[in-house]
Amino acid sequence: MIRTSYALNKVLTAIARQHLMKERLTDDELAGHALSEEERRALKSGDIVGLYRLGANPYLIRRVFRPRFTI
């Protein structure tokens, strides 16, 4: 069974719709979203693997955290 997180993907979608690329997210960007502490930590640190394990959509992770990916 694949784990997904609606709140986590909602945050990533909101950032992606603004066509922003981030290294990490701020408290202001996370305000008002029903995220677990683990999800908040992963977003604030830009933990790509952690976000995937928490159920974030891989496409959204890549789109938002593109600067963290290396070639």
PDB file of N, CA and C in Angstrom:
ATOM      1  N   MET A   1       0.843  -1.188   0.000  1.00  0.00           N
ATOM      2  CA  MET A   1       0.000   0.000   0.000  1.00  0.00           C
ATOM      3  C   MET A   1       0.887   1.250   0.000  1.00  0.00           C
ATOM      4  N   ILE A   2       0.580   2.175  -0.877  1.00  0.00           N
ATOM      5  CA  ILE A   2       1.333   3.418  -0.976  1.00  0.00           C
ATOM      6  C   ILE A   2       0.742   4.443  -0.020  1.00  0.00           C
ATOM      7  N   ARG A   3       1.607   5.022   0.781  1.00  0.00           N
ATOM      8  CA  ARG A   3       1.177   6.045   1.728  1.00  0.00           C
ATOM      9  C   ARG A   3       1.104   7.391   1.012  1.00  0.00           C
ATOM     10  N   THR A   4       0.048   8.135   1.236  1.00  0.00           N
ATOM     11  CA  THR A   4      -0.047   9.490   0.699  1.00  0.00           C
ATOM     12  C   THR A   4      -0.491  10.433   1.815  1.00  0.00           C
ATOM     13  N   SER A   5      -0.151  11.679   1.675  1.00  0.00           N
ATOM     14  CA  SER A   5      -0.534  12.688   2.647  1.00  0.00           C
ATOM     15  C   SER A   5      -1.166  13.857   1.907  1.00  0.00           C
ATOM     16  N   TYR A   6      -2.459  14.024   2.099  1.00  0.00           N
ATOM     17  CA  TYR A   6      -3.184  15.106   1.441  1.00  0.00           C
ATOM     18  C   TYR A   6      -2.595  16.466   1.817  1.00  0.00           C
ATOM     19  N   ALA A   7      -2.390  16.686   3.113  1.00  0.00           N
ATOM     20  CA  ALA A   7      -1.890  17.990   3.571  1.00  0.00           C
ATOM     21  C   ALA A   7      -0.502  18.283   3.007  1.00  0.00           C
ATOM     22  N   LEU A   8       0.345  17.291   2.998  1.00  0.00           N
ATOM     23  CA  LEU A   8       1.703  17.454   2.475  1.00  0.00           C
ATOM     24  C   LEU A   8       1.677  17.790   0.987  1.00  0.00           C
ATOM     25  N   ASN A   9       0.895  17.068   0.233  1.00  0.00           N
ATOM     26  CA  ASN A   9       0.803  17.325  -1.209  1.00  0.00           C
ATOM     27  C   ASN A   9       0.111  18.648  -1.508  1.00  0.00           C
ATOM     28  N   LYS A  10      -0.800  19.059  -0.632  1.00  0.00           N
ATOM     29  CA  LYS A  10      -1.466  20.353  -0.806  1.00  0.00           C
ATOM     30  C   LYS A  10      -0.465  21.503  -0.673  1.00  0.00           C
ATOM     31  N   VAL A  11       0.432  21.411   0.301  1.00  0.00           N
ATOM     32  CA  VAL A  11       1.471  22.437   0.475  1.00  0.00           C
ATOM     33  C   VAL A  11       2.374  22.475  -0.756  1.00  0.00           C
ATOM     34  N   LEU A  12       2.830  21.311  -1.197  1.00  0.00           N
ATOM     35  CA  LEU A  12       3.722  21.254  -2.354  1.00  0.00           C
ATOM     36  C   LEU A  12       3.032  21.768  -3.615  1.00  0.00           C
ATOM     37  N   THR A  13       1.757  21.458  -3.784  1.00  0.00           N
ATOM     38  CA  THR A  13       1.004  21.944  -4.941  1.00  0.00           C
ATOM     39  C   THR A  13       0.910  23.471  -4.918  1.00  0.00           C
ATOM     40  N   ALA A  14       0.657  24.046  -3.744  1.00  0.00           N
ATOM     41  CA  ALA A  14       0.545  25.507  -3.622  1.00  0.00           C
ATOM     42  C   ALA A  14       1.859  26.185  -4.017  1.00  0.00           C
ATOM     43  N   ILE A  15       2.983  25.623  -3.612  1.00  0.00           N
ATOM     44  CA  ILE A  15       4.283  26.196  -3.965  1.00  0.00           C
ATOM     45  C   ILE A  15       4.543  26.009  -5.464  1.00  0.00           C
ATOM     46  N   ALA A  16       4.255  24.820  -5.968  1.00  0.00           N
ATOM     47  CA  ALA A  16       4.485  24.525  -7.393  1.00  0.00           C
ATOM     48  C   ALA A  16       3.647  25.440  -8.285  1.00  0.00           C
ATOM     49  N   ARG A  17       2.435  25.748  -7.883  1.00  0.00           N
ATOM     50  CA  ARG A  17       1.565  26.627  -8.688  1.00  0.00           C
ATOM     51  C   ARG A  17       2.105  28.048  -8.784  1.00  0.00           C
ATOM     52  N   GLN A  18       2.947  28.412  -7.834  1.00  0.00           N
ATOM     53  CA  GLN A  18       3.567  29.736  -7.870  1.00  0.00           C
ATOM     54  C   GLN A  18       4.853  29.717  -8.707  1.00  0.00           C
ATOM     55  N   HIS A  19       5.163  28.546  -9.261  1.00  0.00           N
ATOM     56  CA  HIS A  19       6.374  28.350 -10.070  1.00  0.00           C
ATOM     57  C   HIS A  19       7.628  28.718  -9.286  1.00  0.00           C
ATOM     58  N   LEU A  20       7.615  28.332  -7.995  1.00  0.00           N
ATOM     59  CA  LEU A  20       8.760  28.593  -7.137  1.00  0.00           C
ATOM     60  C   LEU A  20       9.562  27.309  -6.951  1.00  0.00           C
ATOM     61  N   MET A  21      10.870  27.456  -6.862  1.00  0.00           N
ATOM     62  CA  MET A  21      11.747  26.338  -6.534  1.00  0.00           C
ATOM     63  C   MET A  21      12.444  26.697  -5.231  1.00  0.00           C
ATOM     64  N   LYS A  22      12.505  25.747  -4.325  1.00  0.00           N
ATOM     65  CA  LYS A  22      13.000  26.016  -2.982  1.00  0.00           C
ATOM     66  C   LYS A  22      14.075  25.029  -2.569  1.00  0.00           C
ATOM     67  N   GLU A  23      14.909  25.471  -1.643  1.00  0.00           N
ATOM     68  CA  GLU A  23      15.836  24.577  -0.954  1.00  0.00           C
ATOM     69  C   GLU A  23      15.137  23.985   0.260  1.00  0.00           C
ATOM     70  N   ARG A  24      14.275  24.786   0.864  1.00  0.00           N
ATOM     71  CA  ARG A  24      13.497  24.388   2.040  1.00  0.00           C
ATOM     72  C   ARG A  24      12.339  25.370   2.183  1.00  0.00           C
ATOM     73  N   LEU A  25      11.322  24.993   2.959  1.00  0.00           N
ATOM     74  CA  LEU A  25      10.172  25.871   3.148  1.00  0.00           C
ATOM     75  C   LEU A  25      10.256  26.559   4.506  1.00  0.00           C
ATOM     76  N   THR A  26       9.569  27.682   4.620  1.00  0.00           N
ATOM     77  CA  THR A  26       9.587  28.475   5.851  1.00  0.00           C
ATOM     78  C   THR A  26       8.329  28.218   6.672  1.00  0.00           C
ATOM     79  N   ASP A  27       8.363  28.667   7.917  1.00  0.00           N
ATOM     80  CA  ASP A  27       7.188  28.561   8.784  1.00  0.00           C
ATOM     81  C   ASP A  27       5.997  29.287   8.170  1.00  0.00           C
ATOM     82  N   ASP A  28       6.230  30.431   7.555  1.00  0.00           N
ATOM     83  CA  ASP A  28       5.141  31.193   6.934  1.00  0.00           C
ATOM     84  C   ASP A  28       4.474  30.392   5.813  1.00  0.00           C
ATOM     85  N   GLU A  29       5.263  29.662   5.036  1.00  0.00           N
ATOM     86  CA  GLU A  29       4.711  28.868   3.945  1.00  0.00           C
ATOM     87  C   GLU A  29       3.932  27.651   4.454  1.00  0.00           C
ATOM     88  N   LEU A  30       4.225  27.219   5.670  1.00  0.00           N
ATOM     89  CA  LEU A  30       3.552  26.062   6.245  1.00  0.00           C
ATOM     90  C   LEU A  30       2.362  26.437   7.124  1.00  0.00           C
ATOM     91  N   ALA A  31       2.225  27.725   7.431  1.00  0.00           N
ATOM     92  CA  ALA A  31       1.152  28.182   8.317  1.00  0.00           C
ATOM     93  C   ALA A  31      -0.220  27.830   7.749  1.00  0.00           C
ATOM     94  N   GLY A  32      -1.085  27.363   8.626  1.00  0.00           N
ATOM     95  CA  GLY A  32      -2.458  27.075   8.246  1.00  0.00           C
ATOM     96  C   GLY A  32      -2.672  25.698   7.623  1.00  0.00           C
ATOM     97  N   HIS A  33      -1.626  24.898   7.537  1.00  0.00           N
ATOM     98  CA  HIS A  33      -1.757  23.555   6.968  1.00  0.00           C
ATOM     99  C   HIS A  33      -1.693  22.517   8.082  1.00  0.00           C
ATOM    100  N   ALA A  34      -2.539  21.521   7.997  1.00  0.00           N
ATOM    101  CA  ALA A  34      -2.631  20.462   9.009  1.00  0.00           C
ATOM    102  C   ALA A  34      -1.561  19.412   8.762  1.00  0.00           C
ATOM    103  N   LEU A  35      -0.334  19.745   9.109  1.00  0.00           N
ATOM    104  CA  LEU A  35       0.806  18.861   8.892  1.00  0.00           C
ATOM    105  C   LEU A  35       1.263  18.262  10.211  1.00  0.00           C
ATOM    106  N   SER A  36       1.792  17.049  10.147  1.00  0.00           N
ATOM    107  CA  SER A  36       2.401  16.448  11.330  1.00  0.00           C
ATOM    108  C   SER A  36       3.748  17.127  11.565  1.00  0.00           C
ATOM    109  N   GLU A  37       4.306  16.936  12.762  1.00  0.00           N
ATOM    110  CA  GLU A  37       5.623  17.503  13.057  1.00  0.00           C
ATOM    111  C   GLU A  37       6.682  16.921  12.132  1.00  0.00           C
ATOM    112  N   GLU A  38       6.557  15.645  11.821  1.00  0.00           N
ATOM    113  CA  GLU A  38       7.507  14.984  10.922  1.00  0.00           C
ATOM    114  C   GLU A  38       7.445  15.594   9.515  1.00  0.00           C
ATOM    115  N   GLU A  39       6.220  15.878   9.049  1.00  0.00           N
ATOM    116  CA  GLU A  39       6.055  16.506   7.733  1.00  0.00           C
ATOM    117  C   GLU A  39       6.640  17.910   7.731  1.00  0.00           C
ATOM    118  N   ARG A  40       6.392  18.666   8.802  1.00  0.00           N
ATOM    119  CA  ARG A  40       6.946  20.023   8.913  1.00  0.00           C
ATOM    120  C   ARG A  40       8.468  20.003   8.888  1.00  0.00           C
ATOM    121  N   ARG A  41       9.065  19.089   9.648  1.00  0.00           N
ATOM    122  CA  ARG A  41      10.528  18.990   9.669  1.00  0.00           C
ATOM    123  C   ARG A  41      11.086  18.686   8.282  1.00  0.00           C
ATOM    124  N   ALA A  42      10.448  17.747   7.585  1.00  0.00           N
ATOM    125  CA  ALA A  42      10.926  17.365   6.246  1.00  0.00           C
ATOM    126  C   ALA A  42      10.824  18.534   5.270  1.00  0.00           C
ATOM    127  N   LEU A  43       9.734  19.274   5.323  1.00  0.00           N
ATOM    128  CA  LEU A  43       9.556  20.418   4.427  1.00  0.00           C
ATOM    129  C   LEU A  43      10.538  21.539   4.763  1.00  0.00           C
ATOM    130  N   LYS A  44      10.721  21.794   6.062  1.00  0.00           N
ATOM    131  CA  LYS A  44      11.604  22.878   6.476  1.00  0.00           C
ATOM    132  C   LYS A  44      13.072  22.573   6.212  1.00  0.00           C
ATOM    133  N   SER A  45      13.425  21.297   6.154  1.00  0.00           N
ATOM    134  CA  SER A  45      14.816  20.934   5.898  1.00  0.00           C
ATOM    135  C   SER A  45      15.056  20.557   4.440  1.00  0.00           C
ATOM    136  N   GLY A  46      13.972  20.408   3.668  1.00  0.00           N
ATOM    137  CA  GLY A  46      14.117  20.000   2.277  1.00  0.00           C
ATOM    138  C   GLY A  46      14.547  18.549   2.148  1.00  0.00           C
ATOM    139  N   ASP A  47      14.091  17.711   3.069  1.00  0.00           N
ATOM    140  CA  ASP A  47      14.448  16.288   3.110  1.00  0.00           C
ATOM    141  C   ASP A  47      13.672  15.528   2.037  1.00  0.00           C
ATOM    142  N   ILE A  48      14.277  15.368   0.885  1.00  0.00           N
ATOM    143  CA  ILE A  48      13.624  14.762  -0.269  1.00  0.00           C
ATOM    144  C   ILE A  48      13.210  13.319   0.001  1.00  0.00           C
ATOM    145  N   VAL A  49      14.101  12.531   0.555  1.00  0.00           N
ATOM    146  CA  VAL A  49      13.801  11.127   0.853  1.00  0.00           C
ATOM    147  C   VAL A  49      12.711  11.036   1.916  1.00  0.00           C
ATOM    148  N   GLY A  50      12.824  11.868   2.937  1.00  0.00           N
ATOM    149  CA  GLY A  50      11.810  11.894   3.995  1.00  0.00           C
ATOM    150  C   GLY A  50      10.432  12.262   3.461  1.00  0.00           C
ATOM    151  N   LEU A  51      10.385  13.242   2.575  1.00  0.00           N
ATOM    152  CA  LEU A  51       9.101  13.648   1.986  1.00  0.00           C
ATOM    153  C   LEU A  51       8.485  12.502   1.201  1.00  0.00           C
ATOM    154  N   TYR A  52       9.301  11.795   0.434  1.00  0.00           N
ATOM    155  CA  TYR A  52       8.814  10.650  -0.339  1.00  0.00           C
ATOM    156  C   TYR A  52       8.249   9.579   0.593  1.00  0.00           C
ATOM    157  N   ARG A  53       8.982   9.279   1.653  1.00  0.00           N
ATOM    158  CA  ARG A  53       8.528   8.267   2.622  1.00  0.00           C
ATOM    159  C   ARG A  53       7.257   8.690   3.347  1.00  0.00           C
ATOM    160  N   LEU A  54       7.056   9.995   3.501  1.00  0.00           N
ATOM    161  CA  LEU A  54       5.859  10.495   4.174  1.00  0.00           C
ATOM    162  C   LEU A  54       4.644  10.563   3.244  1.00  0.00           C
ATOM    163  N   GLY A  55       4.845  10.278   1.969  1.00  0.00           N
ATOM    164  CA  GLY A  55       3.717  10.229   1.044  1.00  0.00           C
ATOM    165  C   GLY A  55       3.596  11.398   0.096  1.00  0.00           C
ATOM    166  N   ALA A  56       4.647  12.199  -0.027  1.00  0.00           N
ATOM    167  CA  ALA A  56       4.600  13.302  -0.984  1.00  0.00           C
ATOM    168  C   ALA A  56       4.719  12.763  -2.407  1.00  0.00           C
ATOM    169  N   ASN A  57       4.034  13.396  -3.310  1.00  0.00           N
ATOM    170  CA  ASN A  57       4.071  13.017  -4.711  1.00  0.00           C
ATOM    171  C   ASN A  57       5.469  13.299  -5.268  1.00  0.00           C
ATOM    172  N   PRO A  58       6.118  12.286  -5.873  1.00  0.00           N
ATOM    173  CA  PRO A  58       7.481  12.491  -6.395  1.00  0.00           C
ATOM    174  C   PRO A  58       7.597  13.632  -7.411  1.00  0.00           C
ATOM    175  N   TYR A  59       6.582  13.802  -8.237  1.00  0.00           N
ATOM    176  CA  TYR A  59       6.591  14.899  -9.213  1.00  0.00           C
ATOM    177  C   TYR A  59       6.632  16.247  -8.494  1.00  0.00           C
ATOM    178  N   LEU A  60       5.813  16.392  -7.448  1.00  0.00           N
ATOM    179  CA  LEU A  60       5.772  17.655  -6.709  1.00  0.00           C
ATOM    180  C   LEU A  60       7.072  17.895  -5.948  1.00  0.00           C
ATOM    181  N   ILE A  61       7.648  16.828  -5.388  1.00  0.00           N
ATOM    182  CA  ILE A  61       8.931  16.975  -4.699  1.00  0.00           C
ATOM    183  C   ILE A  61       9.965  17.533  -5.669  1.00  0.00           C
ATOM    184  N   ARG A  62      10.064  16.928  -6.827  1.00  0.00           N
ATOM    185  CA  ARG A  62      11.058  17.354  -7.837  1.00  0.00           C
ATOM    186  C   ARG A  62      10.787  18.779  -8.311  1.00  0.00           C
ATOM    187  N   ARG A  63       9.525  19.103  -8.495  1.00  0.00           N
ATOM    188  CA  ARG A  63       9.169  20.429  -9.006  1.00  0.00           C
ATOM    189  C   ARG A  63       9.502  21.533  -7.995  1.00  0.00           C
ATOM    190  N   VAL A  64       9.211  21.284  -6.730  1.00  0.00           N
ATOM    191  CA  VAL A  64       9.433  22.308  -5.705  1.00  0.00           C
ATOM    192  C   VAL A  64      10.897  22.347  -5.262  1.00  0.00           C
ATOM    193  N   PHE A  65      11.475  21.190  -5.036  1.00  0.00           N
ATOM    194  CA  PHE A  65      12.841  21.122  -4.490  1.00  0.00           C
ATOM    195  C   PHE A  65      13.886  20.853  -5.562  1.00  0.00           C
ATOM    196  N   ARG A  66      13.635  21.293  -6.758  1.00  0.00           N
ATOM    197  CA  ARG A  66      14.554  21.070  -7.882  1.00  0.00           C
ATOM    198  C   ARG A  66      16.000  21.476  -7.589  1.00  0.00           C
ATOM    199  N   PRO A  67      16.251  22.604  -6.891  1.00  0.00           N
ATOM    200  CA  PRO A  67      17.639  22.977  -6.604  1.00  0.00           C
ATOM    201  C   PRO A  67      18.392  21.942  -5.766  1.00  0.00           C
ATOM    202  N   ARG A  68      17.676  21.081  -5.058  1.00  0.00           N
ATOM    203  CA  ARG A  68      18.325  20.076  -4.202  1.00  0.00           C
ATOM    204  C   ARG A  68      18.745  18.836  -4.986  1.00  0.00           C
ATOM    205  N   PHE A  69      18.286  18.714  -6.227  1.00  0.00           N
ATOM    206  CA  PHE A  69      18.644  17.561  -7.045  1.00  0.00           C
ATOM    207  C   PHE A  69      19.938  17.884  -7.802  1.00  0.00           C
ATOM    208  N   THR A  70      20.830  16.931  -7.850  1.00  0.00           N
ATOM    209  CA  THR A  70      22.077  17.119  -8.587  1.00  0.00           C
ATOM    210  C   THR A  70      22.084  16.224  -9.808  1.00  0.00           C
ATOM    211  N   ILE A  71      22.839  16.631 -10.771  1.00  0.00           N
ATOM    212  CA  ILE A  71      22.922  15.869 -12.030  1.00  0.00           C
ATOM    213  C   ILE A  71      24.045  14.864 -11.937  1.00  0.00           C
TER     214      ILE A  71
END
